Amino acid sequence: RSFVEVNPEAVTNNLARNFGTMNVAQLKDVVEGRRNLVWVLEKACFNKSTFFTATKVLMSFAVAENETWGNNATGQFLHLFNIHLAGTEADLNHRLDIIRWGLNQSDEYTALIFKAMDVALNCSHFHRMGGAEKQGTKILSDYSPTSEEISAYWHTILDILVREVGKNSNYSDLAGEIIINHAAG
């Protein structure tokens, strides 16, 4: 966990090399040390230079979730898509890159991405537990988007959801529910 603060790129690349190629069953079998891996990935996701690679690995752990508490891989992954206090320096465009990447993966990833888009459309009640931003002598800051960036983020996500509703796919109903649930916001 300390190494990620010293050299986030090397640690993130190592995690991607060792865990990024595992299938869901193999990742579900990672039990010992999993909590520490999630904490390392949380720190790597905070850093904008390692966000994309670290978030893909965290997403893989989330797809293969085997923990039940709120700050498990799934909880940490979904939290990254909030517009405020997301626990990352990465801007909203980098988060959209993850959404697009996840939509091009297997069905298990797609289901998780729809949950992420649901979180992304939240417009209030933002909170985050501190810790991941403190990395050695550095204190990183959550990305603070402009209202224009938020508008573009939401429009892009809504476009994805509306297209999904029109496809009449396995996710059409879910996409419609997400849109309806956020209509007031």
N, C-alpha and C. Protein backbone atom coordinates (compact mmCIF):
# COMPACT_ATOMS: atom_id res chain seq x y z
N ARG A 1 0.83 -1.20 0.00
CA ARG A 1 0.00 0.00 0.00
C ARG A 1 0.86 1.25 0.00
N SER A 2 2.04 1.20 0.58
CA SER A 2 2.91 2.37 0.61
C SER A 2 3.55 2.62 -0.76
N PHE A 3 3.82 1.56 -1.49
CA PHE A 3 4.48 1.73 -2.78
C PHE A 3 3.64 2.53 -3.77
N VAL A 4 2.30 2.41 -3.69
CA VAL A 4 1.45 3.14 -4.63
C VAL A 4 1.61 4.64 -4.44
N GLU A 5 1.97 5.07 -3.24
CA GLU A 5 2.18 6.49 -2.99
C GLU A 5 3.50 6.98 -3.56
N VAL A 6 4.48 6.09 -3.61
CA VAL A 6 5.82 6.44 -4.10
C VAL A 6 5.90 6.36 -5.62
N ASN A 7 5.35 5.29 -6.17
CA ASN A 7 5.43 5.10 -7.62
C ASN A 7 4.10 4.52 -8.13
N PRO A 8 3.08 5.38 -8.25
CA PRO A 8 1.76 4.88 -8.64
C PRO A 8 1.75 4.21 -10.01
N GLU A 9 2.55 4.68 -10.95
CA GLU A 9 2.56 4.08 -12.29
C GLU A 9 3.06 2.65 -12.25
N ALA A 10 4.16 2.40 -11.55
CA ALA A 10 4.73 1.05 -11.49
C ALA A 10 3.77 0.09 -10.77
N VAL A 11 3.20 0.54 -9.67
CA VAL A 11 2.28 -0.32 -8.92
C VAL A 11 1.03 -0.61 -9.75
N THR A 12 0.47 0.40 -10.39
CA THR A 12 -0.72 0.21 -11.20
C THR A 12 -0.44 -0.73 -12.37
N ASN A 13 0.68 -0.54 -13.04
CA ASN A 13 1.03 -1.42 -14.15
C ASN A 13 1.22 -2.86 -13.68
N ASN A 14 1.81 -3.03 -12.49
CA ASN A 14 1.99 -4.36 -11.93
C ASN A 14 0.64 -5.01 -11.62
N LEU A 15 -0.27 -4.26 -11.03
CA LEU A 15 -1.60 -4.80 -10.74
C LEU A 15 -2.34 -5.16 -12.02
N ALA A 16 -2.21 -4.33 -13.04
CA ALA A 16 -2.84 -4.62 -14.33
C ALA A 16 -2.25 -5.88 -14.95
N ARG A 17 -0.96 -6.03 -14.85
CA ARG A 17 -0.28 -7.20 -15.40
C ARG A 17 -0.70 -8.48 -14.66
N ASN A 18 -0.82 -8.40 -13.35
CA ASN A 18 -1.10 -9.59 -12.55
C ASN A 18 -2.59 -9.92 -12.40
N PHE A 19 -3.44 -8.90 -12.39
CA PHE A 19 -4.87 -9.14 -12.16
C PHE A 19 -5.74 -8.77 -13.35
N GLY A 20 -5.26 -7.90 -14.21
CA GLY A 20 -6.07 -7.41 -15.33
C GLY A 20 -6.39 -8.46 -16.37
N THR A 21 -5.64 -9.56 -16.38
CA THR A 21 -5.88 -10.62 -17.36
C THR A 21 -6.65 -11.80 -16.77
N MET A 22 -6.96 -11.72 -15.47
CA MET A 22 -7.70 -12.82 -14.83
C MET A 22 -9.17 -12.77 -15.22
N ASN A 23 -9.78 -13.95 -15.28
CA ASN A 23 -11.22 -14.00 -15.54
C ASN A 23 -11.98 -13.80 -14.23
N VAL A 24 -13.29 -13.74 -14.31
CA VAL A 24 -14.13 -13.45 -13.15
C VAL A 24 -13.94 -14.51 -12.06
N ALA A 25 -13.92 -15.76 -12.43
CA ALA A 25 -13.78 -16.83 -11.45
C ALA A 25 -12.44 -16.72 -10.71
N GLN A 26 -11.38 -16.44 -11.43
CA GLN A 26 -10.07 -16.29 -10.79
C GLN A 26 -10.07 -15.10 -9.83
N LEU A 27 -10.67 -14.00 -10.23
CA LEU A 27 -10.70 -12.81 -9.36
C LEU A 27 -11.58 -13.04 -8.13
N LYS A 28 -12.63 -13.82 -8.26
CA LYS A 28 -13.46 -14.14 -7.09
C LYS A 28 -12.67 -14.95 -6.07
N ASP A 29 -11.71 -15.72 -6.55
CA ASP A 29 -10.88 -16.53 -5.65
C ASP A 29 -9.82 -15.72 -4.92
N VAL A 30 -9.63 -14.47 -5.32
CA VAL A 30 -8.66 -13.61 -4.61
C VAL A 30 -9.35 -13.14 -3.34
N VAL A 31 -8.99 -13.74 -2.24
CA VAL A 31 -9.60 -13.42 -0.95
C VAL A 31 -8.55 -12.83 -0.02
N GLU A 32 -7.46 -13.57 0.17
CA GLU A 32 -6.41 -13.09 1.05
C GLU A 32 -5.74 -11.87 0.43
N GLY A 33 -5.71 -10.79 1.18
CA GLY A 33 -5.09 -9.56 0.70
C GLY A 33 -5.98 -8.70 -0.18
N ARG A 34 -7.19 -9.16 -0.47
CA ARG A 34 -8.09 -8.42 -1.36
C ARG A 34 -8.38 -7.03 -0.82
N ARG A 35 -8.64 -6.90 0.47
CA ARG A 35 -8.94 -5.61 1.09
C ARG A 35 -7.79 -4.63 0.82
N ASN A 36 -6.56 -5.09 0.96
CA ASN A 36 -5.40 -4.24 0.69
C ASN A 36 -5.31 -3.88 -0.79
N LEU A 37 -5.63 -4.81 -1.66
CA LEU A 37 -5.62 -4.52 -3.09
C LEU A 37 -6.64 -3.44 -3.44
N VAL A 38 -7.82 -3.52 -2.85
CA VAL A 38 -8.84 -2.49 -3.10
C VAL A 38 -8.35 -1.14 -2.60
N TRP A 39 -7.71 -1.10 -1.44
CA TRP A 39 -7.18 0.17 -0.93
C TRP A 39 -6.09 0.73 -1.84
N VAL A 40 -5.23 -0.15 -2.36
CA VAL A 40 -4.19 0.30 -3.30
C VAL A 40 -4.84 0.86 -4.56
N LEU A 41 -5.82 0.14 -5.08
CA LEU A 41 -6.50 0.60 -6.29
C LEU A 41 -7.25 1.90 -6.06
N GLU A 42 -7.80 2.08 -4.86
CA GLU A 42 -8.47 3.33 -4.53
C GLU A 42 -7.49 4.50 -4.65
N LYS A 43 -6.28 4.31 -4.14
CA LYS A 43 -5.26 5.37 -4.24
C LYS A 43 -4.83 5.58 -5.70
N ALA A 44 -4.67 4.48 -6.43
CA ALA A 44 -4.26 4.59 -7.83
C ALA A 44 -5.35 5.26 -8.67
N CYS A 45 -6.60 5.00 -8.35
CA CYS A 45 -7.70 5.65 -9.08
C CYS A 45 -7.77 7.14 -8.76
N PHE A 46 -7.34 7.52 -7.57
CA PHE A 46 -7.37 8.94 -7.21
C PHE A 46 -6.41 9.73 -8.10
N ASN A 47 -5.28 9.14 -8.42
CA ASN A 47 -4.24 9.81 -9.20
C ASN A 47 -4.64 9.84 -10.67
N LYS A 48 -4.71 11.03 -11.27
CA LYS A 48 -5.18 11.14 -12.66
C LYS A 48 -4.27 10.42 -13.64
N SER A 49 -2.97 10.29 -13.32
CA SER A 49 -2.05 9.65 -14.25
C SER A 49 -2.24 8.13 -14.31
N THR A 50 -2.84 7.55 -13.28
CA THR A 50 -3.05 6.10 -13.26
C THR A 50 -4.54 5.74 -13.24
N PHE A 51 -5.38 6.73 -13.38
CA PHE A 51 -6.83 6.52 -13.26
C PHE A 51 -7.36 5.45 -14.21
N PHE A 52 -7.08 5.56 -15.49
CA PHE A 52 -7.70 4.67 -16.47
C PHE A 52 -7.31 3.22 -16.22
N THR A 53 -6.03 2.96 -16.08
CA THR A 53 -5.57 1.58 -15.87
C THR A 53 -6.05 1.04 -14.54
N ALA A 54 -5.92 1.84 -13.48
CA ALA A 54 -6.34 1.39 -12.14
C ALA A 54 -7.84 1.15 -12.08
N THR A 55 -8.61 1.99 -12.73
CA THR A 55 -10.06 1.86 -12.69
C THR A 55 -10.51 0.61 -13.44
N LYS A 56 -9.84 0.26 -14.53
CA LYS A 56 -10.17 -0.98 -15.23
C LYS A 56 -9.91 -2.19 -14.33
N VAL A 57 -8.81 -2.18 -13.59
CA VAL A 57 -8.51 -3.29 -12.68
C VAL A 57 -9.54 -3.32 -11.54
N LEU A 58 -9.84 -2.15 -10.97
CA LEU A 58 -10.84 -2.08 -9.91
C LEU A 58 -12.19 -2.58 -10.42
N MET A 59 -12.53 -2.22 -11.64
CA MET A 59 -13.79 -2.67 -12.22
C MET A 59 -13.80 -4.19 -12.35
N SER A 60 -12.68 -4.78 -12.71
CA SER A 60 -12.61 -6.24 -12.81
C SER A 60 -12.85 -6.89 -11.45
N PHE A 61 -12.27 -6.30 -10.41
CA PHE A 61 -12.52 -6.81 -9.06
C PHE A 61 -13.99 -6.62 -8.68
N ALA A 62 -14.59 -5.53 -9.11
CA ALA A 62 -15.99 -5.27 -8.80
C ALA A 62 -16.90 -6.28 -9.51
N VAL A 63 -16.59 -6.61 -10.74
CA VAL A 63 -17.37 -7.60 -11.48
C VAL A 63 -17.28 -8.96 -10.77
N ALA A 64 -16.14 -9.21 -10.14
CA ALA A 64 -15.92 -10.47 -9.41
C ALA A 64 -16.05 -10.26 -7.90
N GLU A 65 -16.98 -9.42 -7.50
CA GLU A 65 -17.11 -9.04 -6.09
C GLU A 65 -17.35 -10.25 -5.18
N ASN A 66 -16.62 -10.28 -4.06
CA ASN A 66 -16.82 -11.32 -3.07
C ASN A 66 -16.85 -10.76 -1.65
N GLU A 67 -16.97 -9.44 -1.53
CA GLU A 67 -17.06 -8.79 -0.23
C GLU A 67 -18.44 -8.12 -0.12
N THR A 68 -18.88 -7.88 1.11
CA THR A 68 -20.23 -7.36 1.29
C THR A 68 -20.29 -5.95 1.86
N TRP A 69 -19.20 -5.37 2.33
CA TRP A 69 -19.29 -4.04 2.91
C TRP A 69 -19.26 -2.95 1.86
N GLY A 70 -19.63 -1.76 2.26
CA GLY A 70 -19.83 -0.65 1.33
C GLY A 70 -18.59 -0.17 0.60
N ASN A 71 -17.41 -0.32 1.22
CA ASN A 71 -16.20 0.16 0.55
C ASN A 71 -15.47 -0.99 -0.15
N ASN A 72 -16.24 -1.97 -0.62
CA ASN A 72 -15.66 -3.05 -1.40
C ASN A 72 -15.31 -2.53 -2.79
N ALA A 73 -14.83 -3.41 -3.65
CA ALA A 73 -14.42 -2.97 -5.00
C ALA A 73 -15.58 -2.32 -5.75
N THR A 74 -16.77 -2.89 -5.61
CA THR A 74 -17.94 -2.32 -6.30
C THR A 74 -18.26 -0.93 -5.80
N GLY A 75 -18.30 -0.77 -4.49
CA GLY A 75 -18.59 0.54 -3.90
C GLY A 75 -17.57 1.58 -4.30
N GLN A 76 -16.30 1.21 -4.25
CA GLN A 76 -15.23 2.14 -4.62
C GLN A 76 -15.30 2.50 -6.10
N PHE A 77 -15.58 1.50 -6.94
CA PHE A 77 -15.68 1.76 -8.37
C PHE A 77 -16.83 2.71 -8.69
N LEU A 78 -18.01 2.41 -8.17
CA LEU A 78 -19.18 3.24 -8.47
C LEU A 78 -19.00 4.67 -7.97
N HIS A 79 -18.35 4.82 -6.84
CA HIS A 79 -18.16 6.16 -6.27
C HIS A 79 -17.38 7.08 -7.21
N LEU A 80 -16.53 6.52 -8.03
CA LEU A 80 -15.69 7.32 -8.94
C LEU A 80 -16.50 8.11 -9.96
N PHE A 81 -17.78 7.77 -10.14
CA PHE A 81 -18.58 8.40 -11.18
C PHE A 81 -19.43 9.55 -10.69
N ASN A 82 -19.38 9.85 -9.39
CA ASN A 82 -20.06 11.03 -8.87
C ASN A 82 -19.44 12.28 -9.48
N ILE A 83 -20.23 13.32 -9.62
CA ILE A 83 -19.68 14.56 -10.19
C ILE A 83 -18.86 15.34 -9.16
N HIS A 84 -19.16 15.15 -7.89
CA HIS A 84 -18.43 15.85 -6.83
C HIS A 84 -17.96 14.83 -5.80
N LEU A 85 -16.80 15.10 -5.20
CA LEU A 85 -16.22 14.24 -4.16
C LEU A 85 -16.15 12.78 -4.61
N ALA A 86 -15.67 12.59 -5.82
CA ALA A 86 -15.63 11.25 -6.41
C ALA A 86 -14.43 10.42 -5.98
N GLY A 87 -13.46 11.05 -5.35
CA GLY A 87 -12.27 10.32 -4.96
C GLY A 87 -11.28 10.14 -6.09
N THR A 88 -11.24 11.12 -6.99
CA THR A 88 -10.29 11.08 -8.10
C THR A 88 -9.99 12.48 -8.60
N GLU A 89 -8.77 12.62 -9.10
CA GLU A 89 -8.37 13.85 -9.80
C GLU A 89 -8.82 13.83 -11.26
N ALA A 90 -9.23 12.66 -11.73
CA ALA A 90 -9.59 12.49 -13.14
C ALA A 90 -10.83 13.32 -13.47
N ASP A 91 -10.80 13.96 -14.63
CA ASP A 91 -11.94 14.77 -15.03
C ASP A 91 -13.07 13.88 -15.54
N LEU A 92 -14.19 14.50 -15.84
CA LEU A 92 -15.38 13.75 -16.25
C LEU A 92 -15.19 13.04 -17.59
N ASN A 93 -14.37 13.59 -18.47
CA ASN A 93 -14.10 12.92 -19.75
C ASN A 93 -13.36 11.60 -19.55
N HIS A 94 -12.43 11.58 -18.58
CA HIS A 94 -11.72 10.33 -18.28
C HIS A 94 -12.69 9.29 -17.73
N ARG A 95 -13.67 9.74 -16.98
CA ARG A 95 -14.68 8.82 -16.45
C ARG A 95 -15.57 8.29 -17.57
N LEU A 96 -15.88 9.16 -18.54
CA LEU A 96 -16.65 8.69 -19.70
C LEU A 96 -15.86 7.67 -20.50
N ASP A 97 -14.54 7.81 -20.55
CA ASP A 97 -13.71 6.82 -21.23
C ASP A 97 -13.87 5.44 -20.60
N ILE A 98 -13.96 5.40 -19.28
CA ILE A 98 -14.17 4.12 -18.58
C ILE A 98 -15.56 3.57 -18.90
N ILE A 99 -16.56 4.43 -18.93
CA ILE A 99 -17.92 3.99 -19.28
C ILE A 99 -17.92 3.38 -20.68
N ARG A 100 -17.30 4.05 -21.62
CA ARG A 100 -17.26 3.54 -23.00
C ARG A 100 -16.50 2.21 -23.06
N TRP A 101 -15.37 2.14 -22.34
CA TRP A 101 -14.58 0.90 -22.32
C TRP A 101 -15.43 -0.24 -21.74
N GLY A 102 -16.08 0.01 -20.62
CA GLY A 102 -16.88 -1.02 -19.97
C GLY A 102 -18.04 -1.51 -20.82
N LEU A 103 -18.63 -0.62 -21.60
CA LEU A 103 -19.74 -1.01 -22.47
C LEU A 103 -19.29 -1.94 -23.59
N ASN A 104 -18.00 -1.96 -23.87
CA ASN A 104 -17.46 -2.83 -24.91
C ASN A 104 -16.90 -4.13 -24.36
N GLN A 105 -17.14 -4.41 -23.08
CA GLN A 105 -16.68 -5.64 -22.45
C GLN A 105 -17.84 -6.63 -22.37
N SER A 106 -17.64 -7.68 -21.60
CA SER A 106 -18.67 -8.71 -21.45
C SER A 106 -19.89 -8.17 -20.72
N ASP A 107 -20.94 -8.96 -20.71
CA ASP A 107 -22.21 -8.58 -20.11
C ASP A 107 -22.07 -8.21 -18.63
N GLU A 108 -21.18 -8.89 -17.90
CA GLU A 108 -20.99 -8.59 -16.48
C GLU A 108 -20.47 -7.16 -16.29
N TYR A 109 -19.61 -6.73 -17.18
CA TYR A 109 -19.08 -5.37 -17.12
C TYR A 109 -20.17 -4.37 -17.50
N THR A 110 -20.96 -4.71 -18.50
CA THR A 110 -22.02 -3.82 -18.95
C THR A 110 -23.00 -3.54 -17.82
N ALA A 111 -23.37 -4.58 -17.07
CA ALA A 111 -24.30 -4.40 -15.95
C ALA A 111 -23.73 -3.42 -14.92
N LEU A 112 -22.45 -3.53 -14.64
CA LEU A 112 -21.81 -2.63 -13.69
C LEU A 112 -21.74 -1.21 -14.24
N ILE A 113 -21.50 -1.06 -15.52
CA ILE A 113 -21.45 0.27 -16.14
C ILE A 113 -22.80 0.96 -16.05
N PHE A 114 -23.89 0.23 -16.16
CA PHE A 114 -25.20 0.86 -16.01
C PHE A 114 -25.38 1.39 -14.59
N LYS A 115 -24.87 0.66 -13.60
CA LYS A 115 -24.91 1.15 -12.22
C LYS A 115 -24.05 2.42 -12.10
N ALA A 116 -22.91 2.44 -12.79
CA ALA A 116 -22.03 3.62 -12.75
C ALA A 116 -22.73 4.83 -13.38
N MET A 117 -23.45 4.61 -14.48
CA MET A 117 -24.16 5.72 -15.11
C MET A 117 -25.28 6.22 -14.21
N ASP A 118 -25.90 5.33 -13.47
CA ASP A 118 -26.92 5.73 -12.51
C ASP A 118 -26.31 6.65 -11.45
N VAL A 119 -25.14 6.28 -10.94
CA VAL A 119 -24.43 7.11 -9.95
C VAL A 119 -24.03 8.44 -10.58
N ALA A 120 -23.58 8.41 -11.82
CA ALA A 120 -23.11 9.62 -12.50
C ALA A 120 -24.19 10.68 -12.62
N LEU A 121 -25.44 10.27 -12.65
CA LEU A 121 -26.54 11.22 -12.80
C LEU A 121 -27.04 11.79 -11.48
N ASN A 122 -26.44 11.37 -10.37
CA ASN A 122 -26.80 11.96 -9.07
C ASN A 122 -26.47 13.44 -9.08
N CYS A 123 -27.34 14.23 -8.46
CA CYS A 123 -27.11 15.67 -8.46
C CYS A 123 -27.06 16.25 -7.05
N SER A 124 -27.04 15.41 -6.02
CA SER A 124 -26.94 15.91 -4.64
C SER A 124 -26.47 14.80 -3.71
N HIS A 125 -26.28 15.18 -2.45
CA HIS A 125 -25.88 14.26 -1.39
C HIS A 125 -24.52 13.61 -1.66
N PHE A 126 -23.54 14.41 -1.98
CA PHE A 126 -22.19 13.90 -2.24
C PHE A 126 -21.41 13.85 -0.93
N HIS A 127 -20.69 12.77 -0.73
CA HIS A 127 -19.83 12.62 0.43
C HIS A 127 -18.74 11.61 0.11
N ARG A 128 -17.68 11.67 0.87
CA ARG A 128 -16.57 10.75 0.67
C ARG A 128 -15.80 10.66 1.97
N MET A 129 -15.36 9.46 2.29
CA MET A 129 -14.48 9.28 3.44
C MET A 129 -13.07 9.67 2.98
N GLY A 130 -12.36 10.39 3.82
CA GLY A 130 -11.01 10.82 3.46
C GLY A 130 -10.00 9.71 3.62
N GLY A 131 -8.87 9.87 2.98
CA GLY A 131 -7.77 8.94 3.14
C GLY A 131 -6.98 8.71 1.88
N ALA A 132 -7.64 8.37 0.79
CA ALA A 132 -6.94 8.04 -0.44
C ALA A 132 -6.21 9.24 -1.04
N GLU A 133 -6.66 10.44 -0.69
CA GLU A 133 -6.02 11.65 -1.24
C GLU A 133 -4.67 11.92 -0.59
N LYS A 134 -4.42 11.35 0.56
CA LYS A 134 -3.13 11.53 1.26
C LYS A 134 -2.17 10.47 0.76
N GLN A 135 -1.22 10.91 -0.05
CA GLN A 135 -0.28 9.98 -0.66
C GLN A 135 1.14 10.47 -0.41
N GLY A 136 1.72 9.94 0.66
CA GLY A 136 3.06 10.36 1.06
C GLY A 136 3.02 11.81 1.50
N THR A 137 3.87 12.62 0.89
CA THR A 137 3.91 14.05 1.22
C THR A 137 2.92 14.85 0.40
N LYS A 138 2.24 14.19 -0.53
CA LYS A 138 1.27 14.87 -1.40
C LYS A 138 -0.14 14.70 -0.85
N ILE A 139 -0.93 15.73 -1.05
CA ILE A 139 -2.37 15.62 -0.79
C ILE A 139 -3.07 15.98 -2.09
N LEU A 140 -3.69 14.98 -2.70
CA LEU A 140 -4.38 15.17 -3.97
C LEU A 140 -5.76 15.75 -3.71
N SER A 141 -6.34 16.36 -4.72
CA SER A 141 -7.65 16.99 -4.59
C SER A 141 -8.64 16.36 -5.56
N ASP A 142 -9.88 16.21 -5.09
CA ASP A 142 -10.95 15.74 -5.97
C ASP A 142 -11.10 16.72 -7.13
N TYR A 143 -11.35 16.17 -8.32
CA TYR A 143 -11.61 17.03 -9.47
C TYR A 143 -12.90 17.79 -9.22
N SER A 144 -12.88 19.07 -9.53
CA SER A 144 -14.06 19.92 -9.34
C SER A 144 -14.51 20.43 -10.71
N PRO A 145 -15.52 19.80 -11.30
CA PRO A 145 -15.93 20.17 -12.65
C PRO A 145 -16.72 21.47 -12.69
N THR A 146 -16.68 22.10 -13.84
CA THR A 146 -17.50 23.29 -14.07
C THR A 146 -18.92 22.84 -14.39
N SER A 147 -19.85 23.76 -14.35
CA SER A 147 -21.24 23.41 -14.69
C SER A 147 -21.34 22.97 -16.16
N GLU A 148 -20.52 23.53 -17.03
CA GLU A 148 -20.51 23.12 -18.43
C GLU A 148 -20.03 21.68 -18.58
N GLU A 149 -19.00 21.31 -17.82
CA GLU A 149 -18.49 19.94 -17.87
C GLU A 149 -19.55 18.96 -17.35
N ILE A 150 -20.22 19.34 -16.28
CA ILE A 150 -21.27 18.48 -15.72
C ILE A 150 -22.38 18.29 -16.74
N SER A 151 -22.78 19.37 -17.37
CA SER A 151 -23.84 19.29 -18.37
C SER A 151 -23.44 18.36 -19.51
N ALA A 152 -22.23 18.47 -20.00
CA ALA A 152 -21.75 17.62 -21.09
C ALA A 152 -21.69 16.15 -20.64
N TYR A 153 -21.24 15.91 -19.42
CA TYR A 153 -21.17 14.56 -18.84
C TYR A 153 -22.56 13.94 -18.79
N TRP A 154 -23.50 14.67 -18.24
CA TRP A 154 -24.86 14.16 -18.13
C TRP A 154 -25.49 13.95 -19.50
N HIS A 155 -25.26 14.87 -20.43
CA HIS A 155 -25.84 14.71 -21.77
C HIS A 155 -25.28 13.46 -22.46
N THR A 156 -23.99 13.23 -22.31
CA THR A 156 -23.37 12.05 -22.92
C THR A 156 -23.95 10.77 -22.32
N ILE A 157 -24.08 10.74 -21.00
CA ILE A 157 -24.63 9.56 -20.35
C ILE A 157 -26.09 9.37 -20.75
N LEU A 158 -26.86 10.44 -20.77
CA LEU A 158 -28.26 10.33 -21.19
C LEU A 158 -28.37 9.86 -22.64
N ASP A 159 -27.47 10.32 -23.51
CA ASP A 159 -27.47 9.85 -24.90
C ASP A 159 -27.24 8.34 -24.97
N ILE A 160 -26.30 7.85 -24.18
CA ILE A 160 -26.03 6.40 -24.13
C ILE A 160 -27.28 5.66 -23.66
N LEU A 161 -27.90 6.16 -22.59
CA LEU A 161 -29.08 5.51 -22.04
C LEU A 161 -30.26 5.54 -23.01
N VAL A 162 -30.49 6.67 -23.66
CA VAL A 162 -31.59 6.79 -24.61
C VAL A 162 -31.37 5.84 -25.79
N ARG A 163 -30.13 5.75 -26.29
CA ARG A 163 -29.84 4.81 -27.37
C ARG A 163 -30.13 3.38 -26.94
N GLU A 164 -29.80 3.07 -25.68
CA GLU A 164 -30.04 1.72 -25.16
C GLU A 164 -31.53 1.42 -25.08
N VAL A 165 -32.32 2.39 -24.66
CA VAL A 165 -33.77 2.20 -24.61
C VAL A 165 -34.29 1.88 -26.01
N GLY A 166 -33.78 2.58 -26.99
CA GLY A 166 -34.22 2.38 -28.37
C GLY A 166 -33.79 1.06 -28.98
N LYS A 167 -32.79 0.41 -28.42
CA LYS A 167 -32.29 -0.86 -28.97
C LYS A 167 -33.19 -2.04 -28.63
N ASN A 168 -33.99 -1.91 -27.61
CA ASN A 168 -34.79 -3.03 -27.13
C ASN A 168 -33.88 -4.21 -26.77
N SER A 169 -32.87 -3.94 -25.95
CA SER A 169 -31.89 -4.94 -25.53
C SER A 169 -32.19 -5.42 -24.11
N ASN A 170 -31.29 -6.22 -23.58
CA ASN A 170 -31.40 -6.70 -22.19
C ASN A 170 -31.36 -5.54 -21.20
N TYR A 171 -30.80 -4.42 -21.61
CA TYR A 171 -30.63 -3.28 -20.71
C TYR A 171 -31.58 -2.13 -21.00
N SER A 172 -32.48 -2.32 -21.94
CA SER A 172 -33.42 -1.24 -22.30
C SER A 172 -34.27 -0.80 -21.13
N ASP A 173 -34.85 -1.74 -20.41
CA ASP A 173 -35.71 -1.39 -19.27
C ASP A 173 -34.90 -0.70 -18.18
N LEU A 174 -33.71 -1.22 -17.89
CA LEU A 174 -32.86 -0.61 -16.87
C LEU A 174 -32.49 0.81 -17.27
N ALA A 175 -32.13 1.01 -18.53
CA ALA A 175 -31.78 2.35 -19.01
C ALA A 175 -32.95 3.30 -18.83
N GLY A 176 -34.15 2.83 -19.16
CA GLY A 176 -35.34 3.65 -18.98
C GLY A 176 -35.59 3.99 -17.51
N GLU A 177 -35.40 3.03 -16.63
CA GLU A 177 -35.57 3.27 -15.20
C GLU A 177 -34.59 4.31 -14.68
N ILE A 178 -33.34 4.21 -15.13
CA ILE A 178 -32.31 5.17 -14.70
C ILE A 178 -32.72 6.58 -15.13
N ILE A 179 -33.16 6.71 -16.36
CA ILE A 179 -33.58 8.03 -16.86
C ILE A 179 -34.75 8.56 -16.03
N ILE A 180 -35.74 7.73 -15.80
CA ILE A 180 -36.92 8.14 -15.03
C ILE A 180 -36.54 8.53 -13.61
N ASN A 181 -35.68 7.73 -12.97
CA ASN A 181 -35.27 8.00 -11.59
C ASN A 181 -34.53 9.32 -11.43
N HIS A 182 -33.92 9.81 -12.50
CA HIS A 182 -33.15 11.04 -12.42
C HIS A 182 -33.84 12.21 -13.12
N ALA A 183 -35.04 12.01 -13.58
CA ALA A 183 -35.75 13.06 -14.32
C ALA A 183 -35.94 14.33 -13.49
N ALA A 184 -36.22 14.19 -12.22
CA ALA A 184 -36.43 15.38 -11.37
C ALA A 184 -35.14 16.16 -11.18
N GLY A 185 -34.02 15.47 -11.13
CA GLY A 185 -32.73 16.12 -10.92
C GLY A 185 -32.29 16.88 -12.13
